[in-house]
Amino acid sequence: MNMAQRLTAARPDVLQGTRTGASLLWSWAKSCTVMVRQRVPRSFERCAMNDPIVTNPDLYRVLFENERVRVLEYLDQPGDATQPHSHPDSVMVTLSAFRRRLRSRNNEVDVELPAFHARWLDAQEHSGTNIGSTPSHTIFVELKEPRASDSAAGRLGPSTS
């Protein structure tokens, strides 16, 4: 499946219109460059290349989406790793206990969470690896509305507040 087909499958609502193929990808690439240069606050409408549904389609799937939230399911096996991707501010609900190693630029953190816990996740870009002996099964409720201020805490991984 080429990138245009992956984008269309992942986000048909964003990709409606008459452009296809190379012109569509060029438009996405230009918008990503603009987003980086302008240092816009993280919001849900981010570059599709960082969308976990696009970067890791075998591990993430959309369960629900409307104009205010998107709900993702994440399911992996021990040893599975994700490509770099981003999440807006989110609530994460663990459906299984798991151990993961998250990486973002020069930062790395090991996370161990029990099943059936809810945690806040600041907007972030990361990659991760299941370093445990059990599958990771999690629900993410991604907020589409931007944070009220630009003072994001910037923590890597989940927190209790």
Protein backbone atom coordinates (compact mmCIF):
# COMPACT_ATOMS: atom_id res chain seq x y z
CA MET A 1 0.00 0.00 0.00
CA ASN A 2 1.53 3.36 -0.99
CA MET A 3 1.54 6.44 1.28
CA ALA A 4 -1.46 8.08 -0.43
CA GLN A 5 -3.51 4.90 0.07
CA ARG A 6 -2.43 4.67 3.73
CA LEU A 7 -3.37 8.29 4.32
CA THR A 8 -6.72 7.84 2.63
CA ALA A 9 -7.47 4.71 4.65
CA ALA A 10 -6.42 6.32 7.92
CA ARG A 11 -8.07 9.73 7.58
CA PRO A 12 -10.61 9.89 4.72
CA ASP A 13 -12.26 12.94 6.33
CA VAL A 14 -9.04 14.95 5.98
CA LEU A 15 -8.23 13.77 2.49
CA GLN A 16 -11.48 14.60 0.72
CA GLY A 17 -10.98 16.59 -2.48
CA THR A 18 -9.65 16.18 -5.98
CA ARG A 19 -5.89 16.00 -5.36
CA THR A 20 -4.30 12.56 -5.39
CA GLY A 21 -0.95 10.83 -5.50
CA ALA A 22 2.18 12.95 -5.62
CA SER A 23 0.39 16.30 -5.33
CA LEU A 24 -1.38 15.10 -2.18
CA LEU A 25 1.87 13.93 -0.60
CA TRP A 26 3.61 17.19 -1.60
CA SER A 27 0.84 19.16 0.12
CA TRP A 28 1.25 17.10 3.30
CA ALA A 29 5.03 17.51 3.22
CA LYS A 30 4.71 21.30 2.82
CA SER A 31 2.23 21.50 5.70
CA CYS A 32 4.60 19.52 7.93
CA THR A 33 7.43 21.93 7.13
CA VAL A 34 5.24 24.92 7.88
CA MET A 35 4.16 23.40 11.19
CA VAL A 36 7.77 22.88 12.27
CA ARG A 37 8.93 26.35 11.16
CA GLN A 38 6.06 28.14 12.86
CA ARG A 39 6.33 26.11 16.10
CA VAL A 40 2.58 26.04 16.42
CA PRO A 41 1.15 24.67 19.68
CA ARG A 42 0.41 20.98 19.51
CA SER A 43 -3.17 20.35 18.58
CA PHE A 44 -4.93 17.38 17.12
CA GLU A 45 -4.62 18.66 13.54
CA ARG A 46 -1.01 17.62 13.14
CA CYS A 47 1.04 16.33 10.27
CA ALA A 48 -0.37 13.01 9.09
CA MET A 49 3.13 11.57 8.92
CA ASN A 50 3.19 11.62 12.77
CA ASP A 51 -0.31 10.16 13.18
CA PRO A 52 0.01 6.77 14.92
CA ILE A 53 -2.71 5.37 12.65
CA VAL A 54 -0.42 6.09 9.68
CA THR A 55 2.97 5.31 11.24
CA ASN A 56 1.83 2.15 13.07
CA PRO A 57 -1.34 0.87 11.34
CA ASP A 58 -0.87 -2.70 12.63
CA LEU A 59 -0.85 -1.52 16.27
CA TYR A 60 -3.39 1.35 16.40
CA ARG A 61 -6.99 1.55 15.22
CA VAL A 62 -9.68 4.22 15.48
CA LEU A 63 -12.64 3.18 17.65
CA PHE A 64 -14.54 6.49 17.57
CA GLU A 65 -14.08 10.02 16.25
CA ASN A 66 -16.04 13.26 16.25
CA GLU A 67 -15.20 16.98 16.14
CA ARG A 68 -13.91 17.00 19.76
CA VAL A 69 -12.15 13.67 20.39
CA ARG A 70 -10.63 10.66 18.69
CA VAL A 71 -10.51 7.31 20.52
CA LEU A 72 -7.71 4.91 19.58
CA GLU A 73 -7.08 1.32 20.58
CA TYR A 74 -3.46 0.18 20.89
CA LEU A 75 -2.56 -3.51 21.02
CA ASP A 76 0.92 -5.04 20.73
CA GLN A 77 2.92 -8.11 21.71
CA PRO A 78 6.16 -8.41 23.74
CA GLY A 79 9.07 -7.08 21.69
CA ASP A 80 6.89 -4.98 19.35
CA ALA A 81 8.12 -1.44 18.72
CA THR A 82 6.42 1.64 17.28
CA GLN A 83 7.75 4.13 14.76
CA PRO A 84 7.99 7.74 16.00
CA HIS A 85 4.52 9.27 16.23
CA SER A 86 2.70 11.98 18.16
CA HIS A 87 -0.30 12.24 20.43
CA PRO A 88 -2.15 15.41 21.38
CA ASP A 89 -3.18 15.86 25.03
CA SER A 90 -4.93 12.58 25.85
CA VAL A 91 -6.38 10.33 28.51
CA MET A 92 -4.89 6.83 28.42
CA VAL A 93 -6.81 3.86 29.88
CA THR A 94 -4.86 0.64 30.33
CA LEU A 95 -6.77 -2.56 29.57
CA SER A 96 -3.82 -4.79 30.49
CA ALA A 97 -0.79 -4.50 32.74
CA PHE A 98 2.38 -3.80 30.72
CA ARG A 99 5.98 -2.57 30.62
CA ARG A 100 7.14 -0.19 27.89
CA ARG A 101 10.21 1.87 27.06
CA LEU A 102 9.36 5.28 25.58
CA ARG A 103 11.90 7.36 23.65
CA SER A 104 11.73 10.98 22.56
CA ARG A 105 14.81 12.77 21.23
CA ASN A 106 17.42 12.39 24.02
CA ASN A 107 14.93 11.27 26.66
CA GLU A 108 14.04 7.69 27.57
CA VAL A 109 11.71 6.41 30.27
CA ASP A 110 10.52 2.94 31.30
CA VAL A 111 6.83 2.76 32.16
CA GLU A 112 5.09 -0.03 34.06
CA LEU A 113 1.34 0.28 34.52
CA PRO A 114 -1.35 -1.99 35.99
CA ALA A 115 -4.53 -2.90 34.13
CA PHE A 116 -7.63 -0.72 34.30
CA HIS A 117 -5.98 2.58 35.26
CA ALA A 118 -6.55 5.99 33.67
CA ARG A 119 -3.60 8.36 33.18
CA TRP A 120 -3.13 11.81 31.65
CA LEU A 121 -0.77 12.00 28.65
CA ASP A 122 0.68 15.41 27.73
CA ALA A 123 0.97 16.10 24.01
CA GLN A 124 4.17 14.43 22.85
CA GLU A 125 6.09 12.72 20.10
CA HIS A 126 7.71 9.39 20.95
CA SER A 127 8.44 5.84 19.92
CA GLY A 128 8.02 2.87 22.22
CA THR A 129 8.94 -0.76 22.74
CA ASN A 130 7.09 -3.44 24.70
CA ILE A 131 9.83 -4.59 27.09
CA GLY A 132 7.55 -6.80 29.16
CA SER A 133 6.32 -10.37 28.85
CA THR A 134 2.66 -9.49 28.19
CA PRO A 135 0.80 -7.64 25.43
CA SER A 136 0.10 -3.91 25.86
CA HIS A 137 -3.60 -3.10 25.43
CA THR A 138 -4.58 0.55 25.85
CA ILE A 139 -7.27 3.05 24.87
CA PHE A 140 -6.30 6.66 24.08
CA VAL A 141 -8.91 9.43 24.16
CA GLU A 142 -7.19 12.17 22.15
CA LEU A 143 -8.44 15.73 22.64
CA LYS A 144 -8.83 17.80 19.48
CA GLU A 145 -9.13 21.15 21.23
CA PRO A 146 -5.80 22.87 21.87
CA ARG A 147 -4.53 23.42 25.40
CA ALA A 148 -5.72 26.71 26.94
CA SER A 149 -2.13 27.97 27.24
CA ASP A 150 1.16 27.28 25.50
CA SER A 151 2.78 26.20 28.76
CA ALA A 152 2.70 22.45 28.15
CA ALA A 153 4.33 20.44 30.91
CA GLY A 154 6.06 18.30 28.28
CA ARG A 155 6.35 15.10 30.33
CA LEU A 156 7.26 11.91 28.48
CA GLY A 157 4.86 9.09 29.20
CA PRO A 158 1.73 9.00 31.37
CA SER A 159 1.17 10.85 34.65
CA THR A 160 -1.42 10.79 37.40
CA SER A 161 -2.30 14.48 37.00
